[in-house]
């Protein structure tokens, strides 16, 4: 069937946002996210047919109010431990990397830091990286099929790089009721 008629199998779609992760083993599951300077790491076990994706905002803990899952090291551990609990073998895990774009020109290189962290983490933990789409100046939508490790990206041309303000912006006073 072409997916349009009665009885057609529809894919289970799971969307993850910043600081989130998802793990699944369904043959028709698609995990997706939208990335700018953040990085998503897709990890899967091709034998156990289980995989997961994370979406982290910063490579390491800094002076922010982010939840722990927003940081690279914790986001990686959540996915890896979840996969192992689901039946994956650490020795068979493979990865793909996405994101790390420059979204605010002249303000920060957090995208590069995120990408560098992910590459170094995979090398240190000896996980093969089968492919990557990192850097650049465009946001990207990522779709990942966790059962077999397929991934698809779409660059979003309508999300331009934002120029950093030329002078510091004074914080606005806001009254909450």
N, C-alpha and C. Protein backbone atom coordinates (compact mmCIF):
# COMPACT_ATOMS: atom_id res chain seq x y z
N UNK A 1 0.83 -1.20 0.00
CA UNK A 1 0.00 0.00 0.00
C UNK A 1 0.87 1.25 0.00
N UNK A 2 0.32 2.31 -0.49
CA UNK A 2 1.08 3.55 -0.57
C UNK A 2 0.94 4.42 0.68
N UNK A 3 0.23 3.94 1.69
CA UNK A 3 0.09 4.71 2.92
C UNK A 3 -1.13 5.61 2.94
N UNK A 4 -1.88 5.65 1.84
CA UNK A 4 -3.02 6.55 1.78
C UNK A 4 -4.35 5.84 1.98
N UNK A 5 -4.39 4.55 1.77
CA UNK A 5 -5.65 3.81 1.82
C UNK A 5 -5.98 3.28 3.20
N UNK A 6 -7.17 2.68 3.34
CA UNK A 6 -7.56 2.08 4.62
C UNK A 6 -6.61 0.95 4.99
N UNK A 7 -6.31 0.86 6.27
CA UNK A 7 -5.45 -0.21 6.74
C UNK A 7 -3.96 0.07 6.58
N UNK A 8 -3.63 1.22 6.01
CA UNK A 8 -2.22 1.56 5.82
C UNK A 8 -1.56 1.79 7.18
N UNK A 9 -0.33 1.35 7.31
CA UNK A 9 0.42 1.56 8.55
C UNK A 9 0.96 2.98 8.58
N UNK A 10 0.70 3.67 9.64
CA UNK A 10 1.22 5.01 9.80
C UNK A 10 2.37 4.97 10.79
N UNK A 11 3.38 5.72 10.51
CA UNK A 11 4.53 5.77 11.40
C UNK A 11 4.16 6.44 12.72
N UNK A 12 4.74 5.94 13.79
CA UNK A 12 4.61 6.59 15.10
C UNK A 12 5.63 7.71 15.12
N UNK A 13 5.19 8.93 15.32
CA UNK A 13 6.09 10.08 15.32
C UNK A 13 6.27 10.56 16.75
N UNK A 14 7.54 10.73 17.13
CA UNK A 14 7.90 11.23 18.46
C UNK A 14 8.73 12.48 18.25
N UNK A 15 8.28 13.61 18.80
CA UNK A 15 9.04 14.85 18.68
C UNK A 15 9.73 15.13 20.01
N UNK A 16 11.02 15.48 19.94
CA UNK A 16 11.74 15.88 21.15
C UNK A 16 12.16 17.35 21.02
N UNK A 17 12.09 18.06 22.13
CA UNK A 17 12.48 19.47 22.18
C UNK A 17 13.83 19.59 22.90
N UNK A 18 14.28 20.80 23.08
CA UNK A 18 15.55 21.06 23.77
C UNK A 18 15.56 20.40 25.13
N UNK A 19 16.66 19.69 25.43
CA UNK A 19 16.83 19.06 26.72
C UNK A 19 16.10 17.74 26.87
N UNK A 20 15.48 17.26 25.81
CA UNK A 20 14.73 16.00 25.88
C UNK A 20 15.47 14.88 25.13
N UNK A 21 14.99 13.66 25.34
CA UNK A 21 15.49 12.51 24.59
C UNK A 21 14.35 11.52 24.44
N UNK A 22 14.50 10.60 23.49
CA UNK A 22 13.50 9.55 23.28
C UNK A 22 14.24 8.29 22.85
N UNK A 23 13.66 7.14 23.25
CA UNK A 23 14.20 5.84 22.89
C UNK A 23 13.04 5.00 22.40
N UNK A 24 13.25 4.25 21.32
CA UNK A 24 12.18 3.41 20.79
C UNK A 24 12.76 2.28 19.97
N UNK A 25 11.96 1.24 19.78
CA UNK A 25 12.40 0.10 18.97
C UNK A 25 11.36 -0.29 17.93
N UNK A 26 10.30 0.50 17.80
CA UNK A 26 9.27 0.19 16.82
C UNK A 26 9.79 0.35 15.40
N UNK A 27 9.46 -0.60 14.52
CA UNK A 27 9.98 -0.54 13.15
C UNK A 27 9.45 0.66 12.36
N UNK A 28 8.33 1.23 12.78
CA UNK A 28 7.76 2.37 12.07
C UNK A 28 7.88 3.68 12.85
N UNK A 29 8.67 3.70 13.92
CA UNK A 29 8.82 4.90 14.73
C UNK A 29 9.81 5.87 14.09
N UNK A 30 9.47 7.14 14.13
CA UNK A 30 10.34 8.22 13.67
C UNK A 30 10.47 9.21 14.82
N UNK A 31 11.71 9.47 15.25
CA UNK A 31 11.96 10.49 16.26
C UNK A 31 12.46 11.72 15.52
N UNK A 32 11.91 12.89 15.85
CA UNK A 32 12.32 14.09 15.13
C UNK A 32 12.57 15.25 16.08
N UNK A 33 13.32 16.21 15.58
CA UNK A 33 13.59 17.43 16.34
C UNK A 33 13.98 18.53 15.37
N UNK A 34 14.03 19.74 15.87
CA UNK A 34 14.44 20.91 15.11
C UNK A 34 15.66 21.50 15.81
N UNK A 35 16.74 21.70 15.07
CA UNK A 35 18.01 22.13 15.65
C UNK A 35 18.50 23.43 15.04
N UNK A 36 19.11 24.25 15.89
CA UNK A 36 19.88 25.40 15.45
C UNK A 36 21.30 25.17 15.94
N UNK A 37 21.67 25.86 17.02
CA UNK A 37 23.00 25.65 17.60
C UNK A 37 23.06 24.42 18.49
N UNK A 38 21.91 23.89 18.86
CA UNK A 38 21.88 22.65 19.66
C UNK A 38 22.37 21.49 18.81
N UNK A 39 22.68 20.39 19.47
CA UNK A 39 23.11 19.18 18.78
C UNK A 39 22.20 18.02 19.19
N UNK A 40 21.88 17.18 18.22
CA UNK A 40 21.17 15.93 18.48
C UNK A 40 22.12 14.80 18.12
N UNK A 41 22.20 13.82 19.01
CA UNK A 41 22.98 12.63 18.75
C UNK A 41 22.00 11.47 18.65
N UNK A 42 22.03 10.78 17.52
CA UNK A 42 21.21 9.60 17.29
C UNK A 42 22.09 8.39 17.52
N UNK A 43 21.65 7.50 18.39
CA UNK A 43 22.44 6.32 18.75
C UNK A 43 21.54 5.10 18.59
N UNK A 44 22.07 4.02 18.02
CA UNK A 44 21.27 2.81 17.86
C UNK A 44 22.14 1.56 17.87
N UNK A 45 21.47 0.45 18.15
CA UNK A 45 22.09 -0.87 18.11
C UNK A 45 21.45 -1.59 16.92
N UNK A 46 22.23 -1.85 15.85
CA UNK A 46 21.65 -2.46 14.65
C UNK A 46 21.20 -3.91 14.83
N UNK A 47 21.69 -4.59 15.85
CA UNK A 47 21.29 -5.98 16.09
C UNK A 47 20.01 -6.02 16.93
N UNK A 48 19.98 -5.28 18.03
CA UNK A 48 18.80 -5.25 18.89
C UNK A 48 17.67 -4.41 18.28
N UNK A 49 17.99 -3.62 17.25
CA UNK A 49 17.02 -2.78 16.55
C UNK A 49 16.31 -1.81 17.50
N UNK A 50 17.12 -1.13 18.29
CA UNK A 50 16.63 -0.10 19.21
C UNK A 50 17.53 1.12 19.07
N UNK A 51 16.94 2.29 19.18
CA UNK A 51 17.73 3.50 19.06
C UNK A 51 17.12 4.65 19.82
N UNK A 52 17.86 5.73 19.90
CA UNK A 52 17.38 6.91 20.60
C UNK A 52 18.03 8.16 20.08
N UNK A 53 17.45 9.27 20.45
CA UNK A 53 17.97 10.59 20.06
C UNK A 53 17.89 11.51 21.27
N UNK A 54 18.92 12.35 21.43
CA UNK A 54 18.86 13.41 22.43
C UNK A 54 18.95 14.75 21.72
N UNK A 55 18.72 15.81 22.47
CA UNK A 55 18.78 17.17 21.93
C UNK A 55 19.32 18.04 23.06
N UNK A 56 20.62 18.38 22.99
CA UNK A 56 21.19 19.16 24.08
C UNK A 56 21.54 20.57 23.66
N UNK A 57 21.47 21.48 24.65
CA UNK A 57 21.63 22.91 24.42
C UNK A 57 23.04 23.39 24.62
N UNK A 58 23.75 22.81 25.58
CA UNK A 58 25.10 23.24 25.93
C UNK A 58 25.98 22.03 26.15
N UNK A 59 27.27 22.14 25.86
CA UNK A 59 28.15 20.98 26.02
C UNK A 59 28.37 20.56 27.47
N UNK A 60 28.40 21.54 28.38
CA UNK A 60 28.65 21.19 29.78
C UNK A 60 27.94 22.17 30.69
N UNK A 61 27.97 21.86 31.97
CA UNK A 61 27.28 22.71 32.94
C UNK A 61 27.93 24.07 33.02
N UNK A 62 27.12 25.07 33.00
CA UNK A 62 27.60 26.44 33.12
C UNK A 62 26.76 27.17 34.14
N UNK A 63 26.72 28.45 34.01
CA UNK A 63 25.94 29.25 34.94
C UNK A 63 24.58 29.53 34.29
N UNK A 64 23.72 28.51 34.28
CA UNK A 64 22.38 28.66 33.72
C UNK A 64 21.39 27.91 34.59
N UNK A 65 20.13 28.04 34.25
CA UNK A 65 19.09 27.34 35.00
C UNK A 65 18.56 26.14 34.24
N UNK A 66 19.33 25.62 33.28
CA UNK A 66 18.88 24.47 32.50
C UNK A 66 18.77 23.23 33.37
N UNK A 67 17.85 22.37 33.01
CA UNK A 67 17.80 21.06 33.65
C UNK A 67 19.02 20.26 33.21
N UNK A 68 19.41 19.28 33.97
CA UNK A 68 20.62 18.50 33.66
C UNK A 68 20.57 17.86 32.28
N UNK A 69 19.38 17.49 31.80
CA UNK A 69 19.30 16.83 30.50
C UNK A 69 19.60 17.78 29.35
N UNK A 70 19.73 19.07 29.62
CA UNK A 70 20.09 20.03 28.59
C UNK A 70 21.58 20.08 28.30
N UNK A 71 22.37 19.39 29.10
CA UNK A 71 23.82 19.37 28.92
C UNK A 71 24.26 18.09 28.21
N UNK A 72 25.29 18.22 27.39
CA UNK A 72 25.75 17.12 26.56
C UNK A 72 26.05 15.83 27.28
N UNK A 73 26.87 15.87 28.33
CA UNK A 73 27.28 14.63 29.00
C UNK A 73 26.08 13.90 29.59
N UNK A 74 25.20 14.63 30.23
CA UNK A 74 24.03 13.99 30.83
C UNK A 74 23.08 13.48 29.74
N UNK A 75 22.90 14.25 28.68
CA UNK A 75 22.03 13.83 27.58
C UNK A 75 22.54 12.54 26.95
N UNK A 76 23.87 12.42 26.82
CA UNK A 76 24.45 11.20 26.24
C UNK A 76 24.22 10.01 27.17
N UNK A 77 24.43 10.20 28.44
CA UNK A 77 24.24 9.10 29.40
C UNK A 77 22.79 8.64 29.45
N UNK A 78 21.85 9.58 29.37
CA UNK A 78 20.43 9.20 29.37
C UNK A 78 20.10 8.30 28.19
N UNK A 79 20.58 8.65 27.01
CA UNK A 79 20.29 7.83 25.83
C UNK A 79 21.00 6.48 25.91
N UNK A 80 22.26 6.48 26.22
CA UNK A 80 23.03 5.23 26.26
C UNK A 80 22.46 4.28 27.32
N UNK A 81 22.23 4.78 28.52
CA UNK A 81 21.69 3.92 29.58
C UNK A 81 20.28 3.42 29.23
N UNK A 82 19.47 4.27 28.61
CA UNK A 82 18.14 3.85 28.19
C UNK A 82 18.19 2.76 27.14
N UNK A 83 19.13 2.87 26.21
CA UNK A 83 19.28 1.85 25.18
C UNK A 83 19.71 0.51 25.78
N UNK A 84 20.65 0.57 26.70
CA UNK A 84 21.12 -0.66 27.35
C UNK A 84 19.99 -1.30 28.16
N UNK A 85 19.22 -0.50 28.87
CA UNK A 85 18.05 -1.04 29.60
C UNK A 85 17.06 -1.68 28.63
N UNK A 86 16.99 -1.16 27.41
CA UNK A 86 16.06 -1.68 26.41
C UNK A 86 16.59 -2.87 25.64
N UNK A 87 17.80 -3.34 25.94
CA UNK A 87 18.33 -4.53 25.29
C UNK A 87 19.51 -4.31 24.36
N UNK A 88 19.96 -3.09 24.20
CA UNK A 88 21.12 -2.81 23.35
C UNK A 88 22.41 -3.25 24.05
N UNK A 89 23.40 -3.57 23.25
CA UNK A 89 24.73 -3.88 23.78
C UNK A 89 25.62 -2.67 23.51
N UNK A 90 26.28 -2.20 24.53
CA UNK A 90 27.15 -1.02 24.41
C UNK A 90 28.17 -1.19 23.29
N UNK A 91 28.68 -2.39 23.13
CA UNK A 91 29.73 -2.65 22.13
C UNK A 91 29.22 -2.54 20.69
N UNK A 92 27.89 -2.54 20.49
CA UNK A 92 27.34 -2.46 19.13
C UNK A 92 26.78 -1.08 18.80
N UNK A 93 26.80 -0.15 19.74
CA UNK A 93 26.18 1.15 19.52
C UNK A 93 26.92 1.95 18.45
N UNK A 94 26.14 2.61 17.61
CA UNK A 94 26.64 3.44 16.52
C UNK A 94 25.94 4.80 16.65
N UNK A 95 26.49 5.83 16.03
CA UNK A 95 25.92 7.17 16.20
C UNK A 95 25.93 7.99 14.92
N UNK A 96 25.08 9.01 14.92
CA UNK A 96 25.04 10.04 13.89
C UNK A 96 24.84 11.37 14.62
N UNK A 97 25.47 12.43 14.11
CA UNK A 97 25.45 13.75 14.76
C UNK A 97 24.84 14.81 13.86
N UNK A 98 24.05 15.70 14.47
CA UNK A 98 23.40 16.76 13.72
C UNK A 98 23.34 18.05 14.53
N UNK A 99 23.38 19.20 13.84
CA UNK A 99 23.18 20.50 14.48
C UNK A 99 24.44 21.32 14.58
N UNK A 100 24.52 22.13 15.63
CA UNK A 100 25.70 22.95 15.87
C UNK A 100 25.85 24.13 14.94
N UNK A 101 24.75 24.67 14.43
CA UNK A 101 24.82 25.80 13.50
C UNK A 101 25.10 27.11 14.24
N UNK A 102 25.53 28.10 13.49
CA UNK A 102 25.70 29.46 14.00
C UNK A 102 24.38 30.17 13.75
N UNK A 103 23.63 30.42 14.80
CA UNK A 103 22.31 31.02 14.63
C UNK A 103 22.28 32.50 15.01
N UNK A 104 23.25 32.95 15.80
CA UNK A 104 23.34 34.37 16.17
C UNK A 104 24.77 34.82 15.86
N UNK A 105 24.92 35.51 14.77
CA UNK A 105 26.22 35.93 14.28
C UNK A 105 26.92 36.85 15.27
N UNK A 106 28.18 36.55 15.58
CA UNK A 106 29.00 37.42 16.41
C UNK A 106 28.74 37.35 17.90
N UNK A 107 27.82 36.52 18.35
CA UNK A 107 27.49 36.50 19.77
C UNK A 107 28.18 35.36 20.51
N UNK A 108 28.20 34.20 19.92
CA UNK A 108 28.72 33.04 20.64
C UNK A 108 29.04 31.94 19.64
N UNK A 109 29.89 31.04 20.05
CA UNK A 109 30.18 29.88 19.20
C UNK A 109 29.69 28.60 19.88
N UNK A 110 28.53 28.69 20.53
CA UNK A 110 27.99 27.54 21.26
C UNK A 110 27.71 26.37 20.32
N UNK A 111 27.32 26.62 19.08
CA UNK A 111 27.07 25.54 18.13
C UNK A 111 28.33 24.72 17.89
N UNK A 112 29.45 25.40 17.68
CA UNK A 112 30.73 24.70 17.48
C UNK A 112 31.13 23.95 18.75
N UNK A 113 30.94 24.57 19.90
CA UNK A 113 31.27 23.90 21.16
C UNK A 113 30.43 22.64 21.34
N UNK A 114 29.13 22.72 21.01
CA UNK A 114 28.27 21.55 21.09
C UNK A 114 28.75 20.44 20.15
N UNK A 115 29.06 20.82 18.91
CA UNK A 115 29.53 19.83 17.93
C UNK A 115 30.86 19.21 18.37
N UNK A 116 31.79 20.04 18.83
CA UNK A 116 33.09 19.52 19.29
C UNK A 116 32.91 18.57 20.46
N UNK A 117 32.00 18.92 21.39
CA UNK A 117 31.74 18.04 22.52
C UNK A 117 31.25 16.67 22.05
N UNK A 118 30.26 16.67 21.15
CA UNK A 118 29.67 15.41 20.67
C UNK A 118 30.72 14.54 19.97
N UNK A 119 31.55 15.14 19.13
CA UNK A 119 32.59 14.39 18.42
C UNK A 119 33.58 13.80 19.43
N UNK A 120 34.02 14.61 20.38
CA UNK A 120 34.98 14.14 21.39
C UNK A 120 34.38 13.05 22.27
N UNK A 121 33.11 13.19 22.62
CA UNK A 121 32.44 12.19 23.47
C UNK A 121 32.41 10.83 22.76
N UNK A 122 32.00 10.84 21.50
CA UNK A 122 31.93 9.57 20.75
C UNK A 122 33.32 8.94 20.62
N UNK A 123 34.33 9.75 20.37
CA UNK A 123 35.70 9.22 20.25
C UNK A 123 36.17 8.65 21.58
N UNK A 124 35.94 9.37 22.66
CA UNK A 124 36.36 8.91 23.99
C UNK A 124 35.68 7.61 24.39
N UNK A 125 34.38 7.50 24.07
CA UNK A 125 33.61 6.31 24.44
C UNK A 125 33.70 5.21 23.39
N UNK A 126 34.41 5.48 22.29
CA UNK A 126 34.66 4.52 21.21
C UNK A 126 33.38 4.06 20.52
N UNK A 127 32.47 5.01 20.27
CA UNK A 127 31.28 4.74 19.48
C UNK A 127 31.55 5.20 18.06
N UNK A 128 31.38 4.34 17.06
CA UNK A 128 31.57 4.78 15.68
C UNK A 128 30.54 5.84 15.30
N UNK A 129 30.99 6.86 14.60
CA UNK A 129 30.10 7.89 14.09
C UNK A 129 29.96 7.65 12.59
N UNK A 130 28.79 7.17 12.18
CA UNK A 130 28.58 6.80 10.78
C UNK A 130 28.37 8.01 9.87
N UNK A 131 27.83 9.09 10.40
CA UNK A 131 27.66 10.29 9.59
C UNK A 131 27.39 11.48 10.49
N UNK A 132 27.55 12.66 9.91
CA UNK A 132 27.30 13.88 10.66
C UNK A 132 26.95 15.01 9.73
N UNK A 133 26.15 15.93 10.22
CA UNK A 133 25.82 17.16 9.55
C UNK A 133 25.88 18.23 10.63
N UNK A 134 27.05 18.86 10.74
CA UNK A 134 27.31 19.81 11.83
C UNK A 134 27.75 21.16 11.27
N UNK A 135 27.43 22.21 12.01
CA UNK A 135 27.89 23.55 11.65
C UNK A 135 26.98 24.22 10.64
N UNK A 136 27.55 25.14 9.92
CA UNK A 136 26.78 25.90 8.94
C UNK A 136 26.01 27.04 9.59
N UNK A 137 25.08 27.61 8.84
CA UNK A 137 24.33 28.77 9.32
C UNK A 137 22.83 28.57 9.18
N UNK A 138 22.41 27.31 9.03
CA UNK A 138 20.98 27.06 8.87
C UNK A 138 20.49 26.07 9.92
N UNK A 139 19.27 26.31 10.35
CA UNK A 139 18.61 25.34 11.22
C UNK A 139 18.32 24.10 10.38
N UNK A 140 18.11 22.98 11.04
CA UNK A 140 17.78 21.74 10.33
C UNK A 140 16.76 20.93 11.12
N UNK A 141 15.90 20.29 10.38
CA UNK A 141 14.95 19.33 10.95
C UNK A 141 15.56 17.95 10.75
N UNK A 142 15.57 17.17 11.82
CA UNK A 142 16.15 15.82 11.77
C UNK A 142 15.06 14.81 12.04
N UNK A 143 15.04 13.76 11.22
CA UNK A 143 14.16 12.62 11.45
C UNK A 143 15.05 11.38 11.56
N UNK A 144 14.78 10.55 12.55
CA UNK A 144 15.61 9.38 12.84
C UNK A 144 14.71 8.17 13.06
N UNK A 145 15.01 7.08 12.34
CA UNK A 145 14.32 5.82 12.49
C UNK A 145 15.17 4.95 13.41
N UNK A 146 14.81 4.84 14.69
CA UNK A 146 15.68 4.19 15.68
C UNK A 146 15.89 2.69 15.48
N UNK A 147 14.98 2.01 14.84
CA UNK A 147 15.13 0.56 14.66
C UNK A 147 16.25 0.21 13.68
N UNK A 148 16.49 1.07 12.69
CA UNK A 148 17.53 0.72 11.71
C UNK A 148 18.59 1.80 11.52
N UNK A 149 18.50 2.90 12.26
CA UNK A 149 19.55 3.92 12.21
C UNK A 149 19.48 4.88 11.03
N UNK A 150 18.42 4.80 10.22
CA UNK A 150 18.30 5.76 9.11
C UNK A 150 18.02 7.15 9.67
N UNK A 151 18.51 8.15 8.97
CA UNK A 151 18.25 9.53 9.36
C UNK A 151 18.07 10.38 8.12
N UNK A 152 17.28 11.44 8.28
CA UNK A 152 17.07 12.37 7.17
C UNK A 152 17.10 13.78 7.76
N UNK A 153 17.75 14.69 7.04
CA UNK A 153 17.76 16.09 7.49
C UNK A 153 17.18 16.97 6.40
N UNK A 154 16.59 18.05 6.85
CA UNK A 154 16.10 19.07 5.93
C UNK A 154 16.58 20.41 6.46
N UNK A 155 17.34 21.12 5.65
CA UNK A 155 17.78 22.45 6.04
C UNK A 155 16.63 23.42 5.90
N UNK A 156 16.51 24.31 6.86
CA UNK A 156 15.41 25.27 6.86
C UNK A 156 15.94 26.63 6.44
N UNK A 157 15.77 26.93 5.20
CA UNK A 157 16.31 28.16 4.62
C UNK A 157 15.61 29.41 5.11
N UNK A 158 14.39 29.27 5.62
CA UNK A 158 13.66 30.45 6.04
C UNK A 158 13.95 30.87 7.47
N UNK A 159 15.00 30.32 8.07
CA UNK A 159 15.39 30.72 9.43
C UNK A 159 16.77 31.36 9.35
N UNK A 160 16.83 32.67 9.05
CA UNK A 160 18.12 33.33 8.85
C UNK A 160 18.92 33.46 10.14
N UNK A 161 20.23 33.63 9.98
CA UNK A 161 21.10 33.90 11.11
C UNK A 161 20.76 35.28 11.64
N UNK A 162 20.61 35.40 12.93
CA UNK A 162 20.27 36.67 13.56
C UNK A 162 21.56 37.39 13.93
N UNK A 163 21.65 38.66 13.61
CA UNK A 163 22.83 39.45 13.97
C UNK A 163 22.74 39.81 15.45
N UNK A 164 23.86 39.75 16.12
CA UNK A 164 23.91 40.12 17.54
C UNK A 164 23.72 41.63 17.65
N UNK A 165 23.12 42.09 18.74
CA UNK A 165 22.95 43.53 18.92
C UNK A 165 24.31 44.22 19.02
N UNK A 166 24.41 45.44 18.49
CA UNK A 166 25.68 46.16 18.49
C UNK A 166 26.04 46.68 19.87
N UNK A 167 25.05 46.92 20.71
CA UNK A 167 25.33 47.34 22.08
C UNK A 167 24.44 46.52 23.01
N UNK A 168 24.84 46.39 24.26
CA UNK A 168 24.03 45.59 25.19
C UNK A 168 22.61 46.13 25.30
N UNK A 169 21.67 45.22 25.36
CA UNK A 169 20.27 45.59 25.49
C UNK A 169 19.92 45.66 26.97
N UNK A 170 19.32 46.78 27.37
CA UNK A 170 18.91 46.94 28.76
C UNK A 170 17.73 46.02 29.04
N UNK A 171 17.77 45.30 30.17
CA UNK A 171 16.64 44.43 30.47
C UNK A 171 15.37 45.26 30.71
N UNK A 172 14.29 44.75 30.20
CA UNK A 172 13.00 45.43 30.38
C UNK A 172 12.42 45.05 31.73
N UNK A 173 11.70 45.98 32.31
CA UNK A 173 11.05 45.70 33.58
C UNK A 173 9.66 45.14 33.27
N UNK A 174 9.35 44.02 33.89
CA UNK A 174 8.09 43.36 33.63
C UNK A 174 7.37 43.16 34.95
N UNK A 175 6.09 43.52 34.96
CA UNK A 175 5.29 43.31 36.16
C UNK A 175 4.37 42.13 35.91
N UNK A 176 4.42 41.14 36.80
CA UNK A 176 3.58 39.96 36.66
C UNK A 176 2.45 40.03 37.65
N UNK A 177 1.29 39.62 37.23
CA UNK A 177 0.10 39.66 38.10
C UNK A 177 -0.19 38.30 38.65
